[in-house]
Amino acid sequence: MKKIITTKKAPAPIGPYNQAVLSGNTLYTSGQIAITPETEELVLDSIKNETKQVMENLKEVLAAADMTFENVIKTSIFISDMNNFGEINAVYGSYFNEETAPARETVEVANLPKFVNVEISAIAVK
């Protein structure tokens, strides 16, 4: 059985999906972009600030399911320009313990929702 996970501390979905779905002990998050939940505005002033907002949104979705980044076993990072990889990776890495960091893939794509520069989703297990 699946349980829908929602929180007002992360942006509301902008389409027919939910912030996350819990199935058994496994949480599947939707991709997060750099929308501030309070103002619904995009954070696009720098790739570091954009990535930080994405990670903070993901952190709140995990918290709504009583999880943290330590529960994350897999992430997917979608970026619009591989030249931003180093800065994205530095911010992303600050949220994980390197010894227990999850598996992941990073993929450059032509476009992302709202033409942002980075989107990140995660799978986590209790």
C-alpha atoms as a PDB file:
ATOM      1  CA  MET A   1       0.000   0.000   0.000  1.00  0.00           C
ATOM      2  CA  LYS A   2       1.214   3.499  -0.709  1.00  0.00           C
ATOM      3  CA  LYS A   3       1.022   6.578   1.477  1.00  0.00           C
ATOM      4  CA  ILE A   4       1.182  10.070  -0.008  1.00  0.00           C
ATOM      5  CA  ILE A   5       3.699  12.341   1.731  1.00  0.00           C
ATOM      6  CA  THR A   6       3.131  16.098   1.662  1.00  0.00           C
ATOM      7  CA  THR A   7       4.489  19.106   3.493  1.00  0.00           C
ATOM      8  CA  LYS A   8       3.906  22.832   3.269  1.00  0.00           C
ATOM      9  CA  LYS A   9       7.646  23.279   3.982  1.00  0.00           C
ATOM     10  CA  ALA A  10       8.445  22.284   0.386  1.00  0.00           C
ATOM     11  CA  PRO A  11       6.917  23.565  -2.851  1.00  0.00           C
ATOM     12  CA  ALA A  12       3.514  22.221  -3.809  1.00  0.00           C
ATOM     13  CA  PRO A  13       3.459  20.054  -6.943  1.00  0.00           C
ATOM     14  CA  ILE A  14       2.976  21.954 -10.196  1.00  0.00           C
ATOM     15  CA  GLY A  15       1.282  19.049 -11.963  1.00  0.00           C
ATOM     16  CA  PRO A  16      -0.492  15.720 -11.411  1.00  0.00           C
ATOM     17  CA  TYR A  17       1.983  14.227  -8.937  1.00  0.00           C
ATOM     18  CA  ASN A  18       2.810  14.285  -5.213  1.00  0.00           C
ATOM     19  CA  GLN A  19       5.894  15.438  -3.340  1.00  0.00           C
ATOM     20  CA  ALA A  20       6.634  11.855  -2.326  1.00  0.00           C
ATOM     21  CA  VAL A  21       5.128   8.401  -2.037  1.00  0.00           C
ATOM     22  CA  LEU A  22       5.947   5.972   0.776  1.00  0.00           C
ATOM     23  CA  SER A  23       5.581   2.296  -0.163  1.00  0.00           C
ATOM     24  CA  GLY A  24       6.394   0.027   2.741  1.00  0.00           C
ATOM     25  CA  ASN A  25       9.661   1.392   4.126  1.00  0.00           C
ATOM     26  CA  THR A  26      10.728   2.994   0.843  1.00  0.00           C
ATOM     27  CA  LEU A  27      10.182   6.667   0.018  1.00  0.00           C
ATOM     28  CA  TYR A  28      10.200   7.900  -3.563  1.00  0.00           C
ATOM     29  CA  THR A  29      10.460  11.668  -3.871  1.00  0.00           C
ATOM     30  CA  SER A  30       9.484  13.704  -6.861  1.00  0.00           C
ATOM     31  CA  GLY A  31      12.162  15.886  -8.350  1.00  0.00           C
ATOM     32  CA  GLN A  32      12.705  19.087  -6.431  1.00  0.00           C
ATOM     33  CA  ILE A  33      13.572  22.391  -8.034  1.00  0.00           C
ATOM     34  CA  ALA A  34      14.568  25.694  -6.408  1.00  0.00           C
ATOM     35  CA  ILE A  35      11.147  27.088  -5.559  1.00  0.00           C
ATOM     36  CA  THR A  36      10.901  28.671  -2.113  1.00  0.00           C
ATOM     37  CA  PRO A  37       7.786  27.255  -0.446  1.00  0.00           C
ATOM     38  CA  GLU A  38       6.938  30.519   1.349  1.00  0.00           C
ATOM     39  CA  THR A  39       6.920  32.763  -1.715  1.00  0.00           C
ATOM     40  CA  GLU A  40       6.692  30.227  -4.553  1.00  0.00           C
ATOM     41  CA  GLU A  41       9.519  32.144  -6.248  1.00  0.00           C
ATOM     42  CA  LEU A  42      12.497  30.566  -7.979  1.00  0.00           C
ATOM     43  CA  VAL A  43      16.010  30.935  -6.572  1.00  0.00           C
ATOM     44  CA  LEU A  44      18.149  31.461  -9.660  1.00  0.00           C
ATOM     45  CA  ASP A  45      20.698  34.088  -8.551  1.00  0.00           C
ATOM     46  CA  SER A  46      23.551  31.533  -8.507  1.00  0.00           C
ATOM     47  CA  ILE A  47      23.892  27.817  -9.163  1.00  0.00           C
ATOM     48  CA  LYS A  48      25.077  27.309  -5.566  1.00  0.00           C
ATOM     49  CA  ASN A  49      22.015  29.053  -4.086  1.00  0.00           C
ATOM     50  CA  GLU A  50      19.737  27.238  -6.526  1.00  0.00           C
ATOM     51  CA  THR A  51      21.186  23.852  -5.555  1.00  0.00           C
ATOM     52  CA  LYS A  52      20.961  24.717  -1.847  1.00  0.00           C
ATOM     53  CA  GLN A  53      17.245  25.512  -2.214  1.00  0.00           C
ATOM     54  CA  VAL A  54      16.706  22.228  -4.063  1.00  0.00           C
ATOM     55  CA  MET A  55      18.434  20.317  -1.266  1.00  0.00           C
ATOM     56  CA  GLU A  56      16.510  22.186   1.437  1.00  0.00           C
ATOM     57  CA  ASN A  57      13.237  21.315  -0.323  1.00  0.00           C
ATOM     58  CA  LEU A  58      14.312  17.682  -0.530  1.00  0.00           C
ATOM     59  CA  LYS A  59      15.278  17.753   3.163  1.00  0.00           C
ATOM     60  CA  GLU A  60      11.758  18.929   4.084  1.00  0.00           C
ATOM     61  CA  VAL A  61      10.103  16.206   2.001  1.00  0.00           C
ATOM     62  CA  LEU A  62      12.297  13.606   3.717  1.00  0.00           C
ATOM     63  CA  ALA A  63      11.437  15.094   7.130  1.00  0.00           C
ATOM     64  CA  ALA A  64       7.716  14.824   6.339  1.00  0.00           C
ATOM     65  CA  ALA A  65       8.300  11.066   6.098  1.00  0.00           C
ATOM     66  CA  ASP A  66      10.393  11.055   9.311  1.00  0.00           C
ATOM     67  CA  MET A  67      13.609  10.552   7.344  1.00  0.00           C
ATOM     68  CA  THR A  68      16.873  12.409   6.767  1.00  0.00           C
ATOM     69  CA  PHE A  69      19.592  12.352   4.134  1.00  0.00           C
ATOM     70  CA  GLU A  70      21.071   9.372   6.019  1.00  0.00           C
ATOM     71  CA  ASN A  71      18.059   7.345   4.797  1.00  0.00           C
ATOM     72  CA  VAL A  72      18.704   8.203   1.142  1.00  0.00           C
ATOM     73  CA  ILE A  73      19.990   5.260  -0.902  1.00  0.00           C
ATOM     74  CA  LYS A  74      19.761   6.717  -4.440  1.00  0.00           C
ATOM     75  CA  THR A  75      19.511  10.153  -6.011  1.00  0.00           C
ATOM     76  CA  SER A  76      19.034  11.394  -9.537  1.00  0.00           C
ATOM     77  CA  ILE A  77      20.416  14.782 -10.501  1.00  0.00           C
ATOM     78  CA  PHE A  78      19.305  16.455 -13.700  1.00  0.00           C
ATOM     79  CA  ILE A  79      21.238  19.530 -14.806  1.00  0.00           C
ATOM     80  CA  SER A  80      20.898  21.826 -17.797  1.00  0.00           C
ATOM     81  CA  ASP A  81      24.643  22.437 -18.173  1.00  0.00           C
ATOM     82  CA  MET A  82      27.369  19.957 -17.218  1.00  0.00           C
ATOM     83  CA  ASN A  83      29.715  22.923 -16.734  1.00  0.00           C
ATOM     84  CA  ASN A  84      27.820  23.573 -13.476  1.00  0.00           C
ATOM     85  CA  PHE A  85      28.560  20.079 -12.171  1.00  0.00           C
ATOM     86  CA  GLY A  86      31.390  21.110  -9.825  1.00  0.00           C
ATOM     87  CA  GLU A  87      29.375  23.759  -8.006  1.00  0.00           C
ATOM     88  CA  ILE A  88      26.255  21.564  -7.836  1.00  0.00           C
ATOM     89  CA  ASN A  89      28.314  18.639  -6.568  1.00  0.00           C
ATOM     90  CA  ALA A  90      29.940  20.756  -3.836  1.00  0.00           C
ATOM     91  CA  VAL A  91      26.578  21.878  -2.443  1.00  0.00           C
ATOM     92  CA  TYR A  92      25.001  18.432  -2.861  1.00  0.00           C
ATOM     93  CA  GLY A  93      27.949  16.781  -1.122  1.00  0.00           C
ATOM     94  CA  SER A  94      27.610  19.030   1.925  1.00  0.00           C
ATOM     95  CA  TYR A  95      24.306  17.287   2.743  1.00  0.00           C
ATOM     96  CA  PHE A  96      25.788  13.782   2.894  1.00  0.00           C
ATOM     97  CA  ASN A  97      28.417  11.906   4.838  1.00  0.00           C
ATOM     98  CA  GLU A  98      30.849  10.832   2.117  1.00  0.00           C
ATOM     99  CA  GLU A  99      31.291   7.360   3.656  1.00  0.00           C
ATOM    100  CA  THR A 100      27.539   6.650   3.555  1.00  0.00           C
ATOM    101  CA  ALA A 101      26.548   8.758   0.542  1.00  0.00           C
ATOM    102  CA  PRO A 102      23.880   7.264  -1.720  1.00  0.00           C
ATOM    103  CA  ALA A 103      24.270   5.890  -5.216  1.00  0.00           C
ATOM    104  CA  ARG A 104      23.399   8.464  -7.877  1.00  0.00           C
ATOM    105  CA  GLU A 105      23.419   9.487 -11.472  1.00  0.00           C
ATOM    106  CA  THR A 106      23.897  12.947 -12.896  1.00  0.00           C
ATOM    107  CA  VAL A 107      22.425  13.627 -16.311  1.00  0.00           C
ATOM    108  CA  GLU A 108      22.594  16.711 -18.501  1.00  0.00           C
ATOM    109  CA  VAL A 109      19.216  17.469 -20.085  1.00  0.00           C
ATOM    110  CA  ALA A 110      17.976  19.975 -22.657  1.00  0.00           C
ATOM    111  CA  ASN A 111      15.389  21.616 -20.367  1.00  0.00           C
ATOM    112  CA  LEU A 112      13.916  21.283 -16.896  1.00  0.00           C
ATOM    113  CA  PRO A 113      10.585  22.486 -15.432  1.00  0.00           C
ATOM    114  CA  LYS A 114      10.382  26.286 -15.333  1.00  0.00           C
ATOM    115  CA  PHE A 115      13.744  26.276 -17.171  1.00  0.00           C
ATOM    116  CA  VAL A 116      15.692  25.811 -13.910  1.00  0.00           C
ATOM    117  CA  ASN A 117      19.295  24.609 -13.892  1.00  0.00           C
ATOM    118  CA  VAL A 118      19.042  21.637 -11.517  1.00  0.00           C
ATOM    119  CA  GLU A 119      16.443  19.116 -10.319  1.00  0.00           C
ATOM    120  CA  ILE A 120      17.092  16.356  -7.792  1.00  0.00           C
ATOM    121  CA  SER A 121      14.993  13.364  -6.710  1.00  0.00           C
ATOM    122  CA  ALA A 122      15.724  10.673  -4.143  1.00  0.00           C
ATOM    123  CA  ILE A 123      14.830   7.205  -2.967  1.00  0.00           C
ATOM    124  CA  ALA A 124      15.121   6.645   0.784  1.00  0.00           C
ATOM    125  CA  VAL A 125      14.574   3.646   3.078  1.00  0.00           C
ATOM    126  CA  LYS A 126      13.757   3.538   6.797  1.00  0.00           C
END
